[in-house]
PDB file of N, CA and C in Angstrom:
ATOM      1  N   MET A   1       0.844  -1.169   0.000  1.00  0.00           N
ATOM      2  CA  MET A   1       0.000   0.000   0.000  1.00  0.00           C
ATOM      3  C   MET A   1       0.898   1.243   0.000  1.00  0.00           C
ATOM      4  N   LYS A   2       0.593   2.189  -0.884  1.00  0.00           N
ATOM      5  CA  LYS A   2       1.362   3.430  -0.949  1.00  0.00           C
ATOM      6  C   LYS A   2       0.978   4.316   0.235  1.00  0.00           C
ATOM      7  N   SER A   3       1.968   4.771   0.991  1.00  0.00           N
ATOM      8  CA  SER A   3       1.667   5.630   2.140  1.00  0.00           C
ATOM      9  C   SER A   3       2.489   6.918   2.146  1.00  0.00           C
ATOM     10  N   LYS A   4       3.407   7.084   1.176  1.00  0.00           N
ATOM     11  CA  LYS A   4       4.227   8.291   1.118  1.00  0.00           C
ATOM     12  C   LYS A   4       3.964   9.015  -0.193  1.00  0.00           C
ATOM     13  N   TYR A   5       3.694  10.301  -0.082  1.00  0.00           N
ATOM     14  CA  TYR A   5       3.387  11.140  -1.233  1.00  0.00           C
ATOM     15  C   TYR A   5       4.341  12.330  -1.233  1.00  0.00           C
ATOM     16  N   LYS A   6       4.162  13.222  -2.176  1.00  0.00           N
ATOM     17  CA  LYS A   6       5.103  14.332  -2.336  1.00  0.00           C
ATOM     18  C   LYS A   6       5.213  15.201  -1.085  1.00  0.00           C
ATOM     19  N   TYR A   7       4.095  15.537  -0.469  1.00  0.00           N
ATOM     20  CA  TYR A   7       4.117  16.462   0.667  1.00  0.00           C
ATOM     21  C   TYR A   7       3.671  15.841   1.990  1.00  0.00           C
ATOM     22  N   ILE A   8       2.996  14.718   1.916  1.00  0.00           N
ATOM     23  CA  ILE A   8       2.473  14.088   3.132  1.00  0.00           C
ATOM     24  C   ILE A   8       2.782  12.593   3.135  1.00  0.00           C
ATOM     25  N   HIS A   9       2.689  11.993   4.321  1.00  0.00           N
ATOM     26  CA  HIS A   9       2.790  10.538   4.433  1.00  0.00           C
ATOM     27  C   HIS A   9       1.863  10.088   5.567  1.00  0.00           C
ATOM     28  N   PHE A  10       1.552   8.804   5.561  1.00  0.00           N
ATOM     29  CA  PHE A  10       0.629   8.234   6.533  1.00  0.00           C
ATOM     30  C   PHE A  10       1.350   7.188   7.364  1.00  0.00           C
ATOM     31  N   ILE A  11       1.166   7.273   8.683  1.00  0.00           N
ATOM     32  CA  ILE A  11       1.798   6.362   9.639  1.00  0.00           C
ATOM     33  C   ILE A  11       0.705   5.624  10.404  1.00  0.00           C
ATOM     34  N   GLU A  12       0.790   4.295  10.422  1.00  0.00           N
ATOM     35  CA  GLU A  12      -0.149   3.502  11.208  1.00  0.00           C
ATOM     36  C   GLU A  12       0.192   3.652  12.687  1.00  0.00           C
ATOM     37  N   THR A  13      -0.815   3.894  13.513  1.00  0.00           N
ATOM     38  CA  THR A  13      -0.598   4.058  14.947  1.00  0.00           C
ATOM     39  C   THR A  13      -1.067   2.808  15.695  1.00  0.00           C
ATOM     40  N   ASP A  14      -0.817   2.786  16.989  1.00  0.00           N
ATOM     41  CA  ASP A  14      -1.317   1.705  17.836  1.00  0.00           C
ATOM     42  C   ASP A  14      -2.738   1.985  18.329  1.00  0.00           C
ATOM     43  N   GLU A  15      -3.206   3.180  18.060  1.00  0.00           N
ATOM     44  CA  GLU A  15      -4.542   3.592  18.500  1.00  0.00           C
ATOM     45  C   GLU A  15      -5.616   2.843  17.711  1.00  0.00           C
ATOM     46  N   LEU A  16      -6.692   2.465  18.393  1.00  0.00           N
ATOM     47  CA  LEU A  16      -7.827   1.802  17.752  1.00  0.00           C
ATOM     48  C   LEU A  16      -9.084   2.641  17.936  1.00  0.00           C
ATOM     49  N   VAL A  17      -9.866   2.755  16.892  1.00  0.00           N
ATOM     50  CA  VAL A  17     -11.188   3.372  16.951  1.00  0.00           C
ATOM     51  C   VAL A  17     -12.144   2.397  16.281  1.00  0.00           C
ATOM     52  N   ASN A  18     -13.179   2.018  16.983  1.00  0.00           N
ATOM     53  CA  ASN A  18     -14.140   1.040  16.469  1.00  0.00           C
ATOM     54  C   ASN A  18     -13.450  -0.247  16.035  1.00  0.00           C
ATOM     55  N   GLY A  19     -12.396  -0.637  16.762  1.00  0.00           N
ATOM     56  CA  GLY A  19     -11.688  -1.883  16.495  1.00  0.00           C
ATOM     57  C   GLY A  19     -10.751  -1.854  15.309  1.00  0.00           C
ATOM     58  N   ARG A  20     -10.499  -0.675  14.746  1.00  0.00           N
ATOM     59  CA  ARG A  20      -9.606  -0.564  13.577  1.00  0.00           C
ATOM     60  C   ARG A  20      -8.499   0.443  13.857  1.00  0.00           C
ATOM     61  N   LYS A  21      -7.357   0.202  13.234  1.00  0.00           N
ATOM     62  CA  LYS A  21      -6.184   1.072  13.421  1.00  0.00           C
ATOM     63  C   LYS A  21      -6.460   2.489  12.934  1.00  0.00           C
ATOM     64  N   VAL A  22      -5.817   3.429  13.585  1.00  0.00           N
ATOM     65  CA  VAL A  22      -5.868   4.836  13.212  1.00  0.00           C
ATOM     66  C   VAL A  22      -4.561   5.168  12.498  1.00  0.00           C
ATOM     67  N   TRP A  23      -4.645   5.980  11.461  1.00  0.00           N
ATOM     68  CA  TRP A  23      -3.472   6.420  10.702  1.00  0.00           C
ATOM     69  C   TRP A  23      -3.288   7.914  10.896  1.00  0.00           C
ATOM     70  N   GLU A  24      -2.038   8.357  11.076  1.00  0.00           N
ATOM     71  CA  GLU A  24      -1.732   9.782  11.143  1.00  0.00           C
ATOM     72  C   GLU A  24      -1.273  10.255   9.767  1.00  0.00           C
ATOM     73  N   CYS A  25      -1.746  11.424   9.396  1.00  0.00           N
ATOM     74  CA  CYS A  25      -1.301  12.086   8.173  1.00  0.00           C
ATOM     75  C   CYS A  25      -0.288  13.145   8.615  1.00  0.00           C
ATOM     76  N   LYS A  26       0.955  13.019   8.126  1.00  0.00           N
ATOM     77  CA  LYS A  26       2.025  13.921   8.572  1.00  0.00           C
ATOM     78  C   LYS A  26       2.659  14.664   7.399  1.00  0.00           C
ATOM     79  N   ASN A  27       3.141  15.849   7.703  1.00  0.00           N
ATOM     80  CA  ASN A  27       3.903  16.640   6.752  1.00  0.00           C
ATOM     81  C   ASN A  27       5.272  15.999   6.575  1.00  0.00           C
ATOM     82  N   ASN A  28       5.723  15.803   5.335  1.00  0.00           N
ATOM     83  CA  ASN A  28       7.019  15.169   5.095  1.00  0.00           C
ATOM     84  C   ASN A  28       8.193  15.992   5.626  1.00  0.00           C
ATOM     85  N   ARG A  29       8.114  17.310   5.507  1.00  0.00           N
ATOM     86  CA  ARG A  29       9.241  18.152   5.905  1.00  0.00           C
ATOM     87  C   ARG A  29       9.295  18.363   7.410  1.00  0.00           C
ATOM     88  N   THR A  30       8.155  18.743   8.010  1.00  0.00           N
ATOM     89  CA  THR A  30       8.164  19.092   9.433  1.00  0.00           C
ATOM     90  C   THR A  30       7.789  17.922  10.347  1.00  0.00           C
ATOM     91  N   LYS A  31       7.211  16.880   9.774  1.00  0.00           N
ATOM     92  CA  LYS A  31       6.719  15.715  10.534  1.00  0.00           C
ATOM     93  C   LYS A  31       5.525  16.058  11.431  1.00  0.00           C
ATOM     94  N   ALA A  32       4.946  17.245  11.261  1.00  0.00           N
ATOM     95  CA  ALA A  32       3.773  17.647  12.038  1.00  0.00           C
ATOM     96  C   ALA A  32       2.575  16.787  11.665  1.00  0.00           C
ATOM     97  N   ILE A  33       1.771  16.445  12.672  1.00  0.00           N
ATOM     98  CA  ILE A  33       0.537  15.697  12.408  1.00  0.00           C
ATOM     99  C   ILE A  33      -0.500  16.677  11.869  1.00  0.00           C
ATOM    100  N   LEU A  34      -0.951  16.419  10.659  1.00  0.00           N
ATOM    101  CA  LEU A  34      -1.941  17.280  10.024  1.00  0.00           C
ATOM    102  C   LEU A  34      -3.363  16.815  10.325  1.00  0.00           C
ATOM    103  N   ALA A  35      -3.529  15.512  10.401  1.00  0.00           N
ATOM    104  CA  ALA A  35      -4.860  14.935  10.638  1.00  0.00           C
ATOM    105  C   ALA A  35      -4.715  13.461  10.940  1.00  0.00           C
ATOM    106  N   LYS A  36      -5.839  12.820  11.187  1.00  0.00           N
ATOM    107  CA  LYS A  36      -5.859  11.372  11.395  1.00  0.00           C
ATOM    108  C   LYS A  36      -6.923  10.758  10.500  1.00  0.00           C
ATOM    109  N   LEU A  37      -6.699   9.515  10.112  1.00  0.00           N
ATOM    110  CA  LEU A  37      -7.695   8.748   9.382  1.00  0.00           C
ATOM    111  C   LEU A  37      -8.165   7.633  10.301  1.00  0.00           C
ATOM    112  N   PHE A  38      -9.469   7.461  10.394  1.00  0.00           N
ATOM    113  CA  PHE A  38     -10.025   6.443  11.275  1.00  0.00           C
ATOM    114  C   PHE A  38     -11.333   5.942  10.694  1.00  0.00           C
ATOM    115  N   TYR A  39     -11.764   4.769  11.163  1.00  0.00           N
ATOM    116  CA  TYR A  39     -13.024   4.208  10.712  1.00  0.00           C
ATOM    117  C   TYR A  39     -14.153   4.862  11.493  1.00  0.00           C
ATOM    118  N   TYR A  40     -15.013   5.579  10.784  1.00  0.00           N
ATOM    119  CA  TYR A  40     -16.134   6.295  11.385  1.00  0.00           C
ATOM    120  C   TYR A  40     -17.369   5.413  11.282  1.00  0.00           C
ATOM    121  N   LYS A  41     -17.731   4.840  12.403  1.00  0.00           N
ATOM    122  CA  LYS A  41     -18.801   3.841  12.452  1.00  0.00           C
ATOM    123  C   LYS A  41     -20.137   4.374  11.903  1.00  0.00           C
ATOM    124  N   GLN A  42     -20.440   5.634  12.185  1.00  0.00           N
ATOM    125  CA  GLN A  42     -21.713   6.214  11.755  1.00  0.00           C
ATOM    126  C   GLN A  42     -21.833   6.246  10.229  1.00  0.00           C
ATOM    127  N   TRP A  43     -20.718   6.435   9.524  1.00  0.00           N
ATOM    128  CA  TRP A  43     -20.742   6.501   8.059  1.00  0.00           C
ATOM    129  C   TRP A  43     -20.272   5.201   7.422  1.00  0.00           C
ATOM    130  N   LYS A  44     -19.802   4.246   8.255  1.00  0.00           N
ATOM    131  CA  LYS A  44     -19.319   2.939   7.798  1.00  0.00           C
ATOM    132  C   LYS A  44     -18.204   3.061   6.758  1.00  0.00           C
ATOM    133  N   GLN A  45     -17.251   3.950   7.041  1.00  0.00           N
ATOM    134  CA  GLN A  45     -16.112   4.137   6.140  1.00  0.00           C
ATOM    135  C   GLN A  45     -14.991   4.869   6.863  1.00  0.00           C
ATOM    136  N   TYR A  46     -13.794   4.804   6.266  1.00  0.00           N
ATOM    137  CA  TYR A  46     -12.671   5.567   6.806  1.00  0.00           C
ATOM    138  C   TYR A  46     -12.874   7.035   6.477  1.00  0.00           C
ATOM    139  N   CYS A  47     -12.512   7.890   7.423  1.00  0.00           N
ATOM    140  CA  CYS A  47     -12.651   9.327   7.262  1.00  0.00           C
ATOM    141  C   CYS A  47     -11.372  10.023   7.699  1.00  0.00           C
ATOM    142  N   PHE A  48     -11.227  11.255   7.273  1.00  0.00           N
ATOM    143  CA  PHE A  48     -10.070  12.114   7.531  1.00  0.00           C
ATOM    144  C   PHE A  48     -10.537  13.169   8.514  1.00  0.00           C
ATOM    145  N   THR A  49      -9.852  13.320   9.628  1.00  0.00           N
ATOM    146  CA  THR A  49     -10.313  14.267  10.630  1.00  0.00           C
ATOM    147  C   THR A  49      -9.180  15.066  11.254  1.00  0.00           C
ATOM    148  N   GLN A  50      -9.537  16.214  11.733  1.00  0.00           N
ATOM    149  CA  GLN A  50      -8.698  16.999  12.625  1.00  0.00           C
ATOM    150  C   GLN A  50      -9.428  16.951  13.957  1.00  0.00           C
ATOM    151  N   TYR A  51      -9.025  16.027  14.825  1.00  0.00           N
ATOM    152  CA  TYR A  51      -9.731  15.790  16.076  1.00  0.00           C
ATOM    153  C   TYR A  51      -9.943  17.052  16.900  1.00  0.00           C
ATOM    154  N   GLU A  52      -8.933  17.892  16.953  1.00  0.00           N
ATOM    155  CA  GLU A  52      -9.016  19.062  17.809  1.00  0.00           C
ATOM    156  C   GLU A  52     -10.132  20.004  17.375  1.00  0.00           C
ATOM    157  N   GLN A  53     -10.367  20.103  16.078  1.00  0.00           N
ATOM    158  CA  GLN A  53     -11.394  21.010  15.578  1.00  0.00           C
ATOM    159  C   GLN A  53     -12.745  20.303  15.384  1.00  0.00           C
ATOM    160  N   GLY A  54     -12.772  18.980  15.511  1.00  0.00           N
ATOM    161  CA  GLY A  54     -14.014  18.244  15.337  1.00  0.00           C
ATOM    162  C   GLY A  54     -14.476  18.169  13.898  1.00  0.00           C
ATOM    163  N   VAL A  55     -13.563  18.314  12.940  1.00  0.00           N
ATOM    164  CA  VAL A  55     -13.892  18.283  11.521  1.00  0.00           C
ATOM    165  C   VAL A  55     -13.671  16.869  10.995  1.00  0.00           C
ATOM    166  N   ILE A  56     -14.667  16.332  10.264  1.00  0.00           N
ATOM    167  CA  ILE A  56     -14.551  14.992   9.708  1.00  0.00           C
ATOM    168  C   ILE A  56     -14.888  15.041   8.220  1.00  0.00           C
ATOM    169  N   PHE A  57     -13.992  14.474   7.386  1.00  0.00           N
ATOM    170  CA  PHE A  57     -14.203  14.402   5.943  1.00  0.00           C
ATOM    171  C   PHE A  57     -14.218  12.943   5.508  1.00  0.00           C
ATOM    172  N   ASN A  58     -15.161  12.569   4.638  1.00  0.00           N
ATOM    173  CA  ASN A  58     -15.090  11.244   4.016  1.00  0.00           C
ATOM    174  C   ASN A  58     -14.488  11.393   2.626  1.00  0.00           C
ATOM    175  N   ASP A  59     -14.372  10.296   1.877  1.00  0.00           N
ATOM    176  CA  ASP A  59     -13.736  10.375   0.563  1.00  0.00           C
ATOM    177  C   ASP A  59     -14.505  11.281  -0.392  1.00  0.00           C
ATOM    178  N   GLY A  60     -15.822  11.325  -0.256  1.00  0.00           N
ATOM    179  CA  GLY A  60     -16.620  12.211  -1.104  1.00  0.00           C
ATOM    180  C   GLY A  60     -16.337  13.677  -0.827  1.00  0.00           C
ATOM    181  N   CYS A  61     -16.243  14.033   0.462  1.00  0.00           N
ATOM    182  CA  CYS A  61     -15.921  15.417   0.834  1.00  0.00           C
ATOM    183  C   CYS A  61     -14.545  15.813   0.297  1.00  0.00           C
ATOM    184  N   LEU A  62     -13.585  14.903   0.436  1.00  0.00           N
ATOM    185  CA  LEU A  62     -12.229  15.202  -0.031  1.00  0.00           C
ATOM    186  C   LEU A  62     -12.183  15.291  -1.553  1.00  0.00           C
ATOM    187  N   ALA A  63     -12.936  14.435  -2.246  1.00  0.00           N
ATOM    188  CA  ALA A  63     -12.988  14.496  -3.718  1.00  0.00           C
ATOM    189  C   ALA A  63     -13.591  15.827  -4.165  1.00  0.00           C
ATOM    190  N   ASP A  64     -14.644  16.273  -3.483  1.00  0.00           N
ATOM    191  CA  ASP A  64     -15.245  17.570  -3.801  1.00  0.00           C
ATOM    192  C   ASP A  64     -14.252  18.701  -3.561  1.00  0.00           C
ATOM    193  N   THR A  65     -13.486  18.613  -2.485  1.00  0.00           N
ATOM    194  CA  THR A  65     -12.476  19.628  -2.177  1.00  0.00           C
ATOM    195  C   THR A  65     -11.411  19.659  -3.263  1.00  0.00           C
ATOM    196  N   ILE A  66     -10.954  18.488  -3.689  1.00  0.00           N
ATOM    197  CA  ILE A  66      -9.962  18.407  -4.759  1.00  0.00           C
ATOM    198  C   ILE A  66     -10.517  19.026  -6.036  1.00  0.00           C
ATOM    199  N   ASP A  67     -11.762  18.721  -6.370  1.00  0.00           N
ATOM    200  CA  ASP A  67     -12.391  19.289  -7.560  1.00  0.00           C
ATOM    201  C   ASP A  67     -12.430  20.808  -7.482  1.00  0.00           C
ATOM    202  N   PHE A  68     -12.814  21.341  -6.324  1.00  0.00           N
ATOM    203  CA  PHE A  68     -12.885  22.788  -6.148  1.00  0.00           C
ATOM    204  C   PHE A  68     -11.510  23.426  -6.289  1.00  0.00           C
ATOM    205  N   ILE A  69     -10.495  22.820  -5.696  1.00  0.00           N
ATOM    206  CA  ILE A  69      -9.130  23.344  -5.807  1.00  0.00           C
ATOM    207  C   ILE A  69      -8.676  23.350  -7.256  1.00  0.00           C
ATOM    208  N   LYS A  70      -8.968  22.283  -8.004  1.00  0.00           N
ATOM    209  CA  LYS A  70      -8.601  22.228  -9.427  1.00  0.00           C
ATOM    210  C   LYS A  70      -9.290  23.336 -10.212  1.00  0.00           C
ATOM    211  N   GLN A  71     -10.552  23.622  -9.860  1.00  0.00           N
ATOM    212  CA  GLN A  71     -11.252  24.724 -10.521  1.00  0.00           C
ATOM    213  C   GLN A  71     -10.589  26.062 -10.211  1.00  0.00           C
ATOM    214  N   LEU A  72     -10.210  26.264  -8.954  1.00  0.00           N
ATOM    215  CA  LEU A  72      -9.519  27.499  -8.591  1.00  0.00           C
ATOM    216  C   LEU A  72      -8.211  27.646  -9.337  1.00  0.00           C
ATOM    217  N   GLN A  73      -7.461  26.531  -9.426  1.00  0.00           N
ATOM    218  CA  GLN A  73      -6.178  26.569 -10.128  1.00  0.00           C
ATOM    219  C   GLN A  73      -6.384  26.873 -11.606  1.00  0.00           C
ATOM    220  N   ALA A  74      -7.446  26.340 -12.193  1.00  0.00           N
ATOM    221  CA  ALA A  74      -7.722  26.584 -13.613  1.00  0.00           C
ATOM    222  C   ALA A  74      -8.031  28.051 -13.867  1.00  0.00           C
ATOM    223  N   THR A  75      -8.740  28.699 -12.930  1.00  0.00           N
ATOM    224  CA  THR A  75      -9.060  30.116 -13.113  1.00  0.00           C
ATOM    225  C   THR A  75      -7.822  30.990 -12.948  1.00  0.00           C
ATOM    226  N   GLN A  76      -6.857  30.528 -12.154  1.00  0.00           N
ATOM    227  CA  GLN A  76      -5.621  31.274 -11.949  1.00  0.00           C
ATOM    228  C   GLN A  76      -4.702  31.211 -13.150  1.00  0.00           C
ATOM    229  N   SER A  77      -4.783  30.105 -13.894  1.00  0.00           N
ATOM    230  CA  SER A  77      -3.882  29.934 -15.049  1.00  0.00           C
ATOM    231  C   SER A  77      -4.469  30.528 -16.318  1.00  0.00           C
ATOM    232  N   SER A  78      -5.711  31.033 -16.249  1.00  0.00           N
ATOM    233  CA  SER A  78      -6.360  31.624 -17.438  1.00  0.00           C
ATOM    234  C   SER A  78      -5.911  33.036 -17.669  1.00  0.00           C
TER     235      SER A  78
END
């Protein structure tokens, strides 16, 4: 499984949520924890969260965010 990308990487932790491992999303340069990925029982899927702020994203939310960013980038290059 690919876990290292250009700017971020994912580390499996010993923490369990709903009986499944939690993954930390970290900055490659600073090693700062940006968010965590965990199995969100209410949505029956893995989600991306910033626990401190109480923000939870599923793959659909993140795909929509990526789409919006691509649209912004396209308007900047015009």
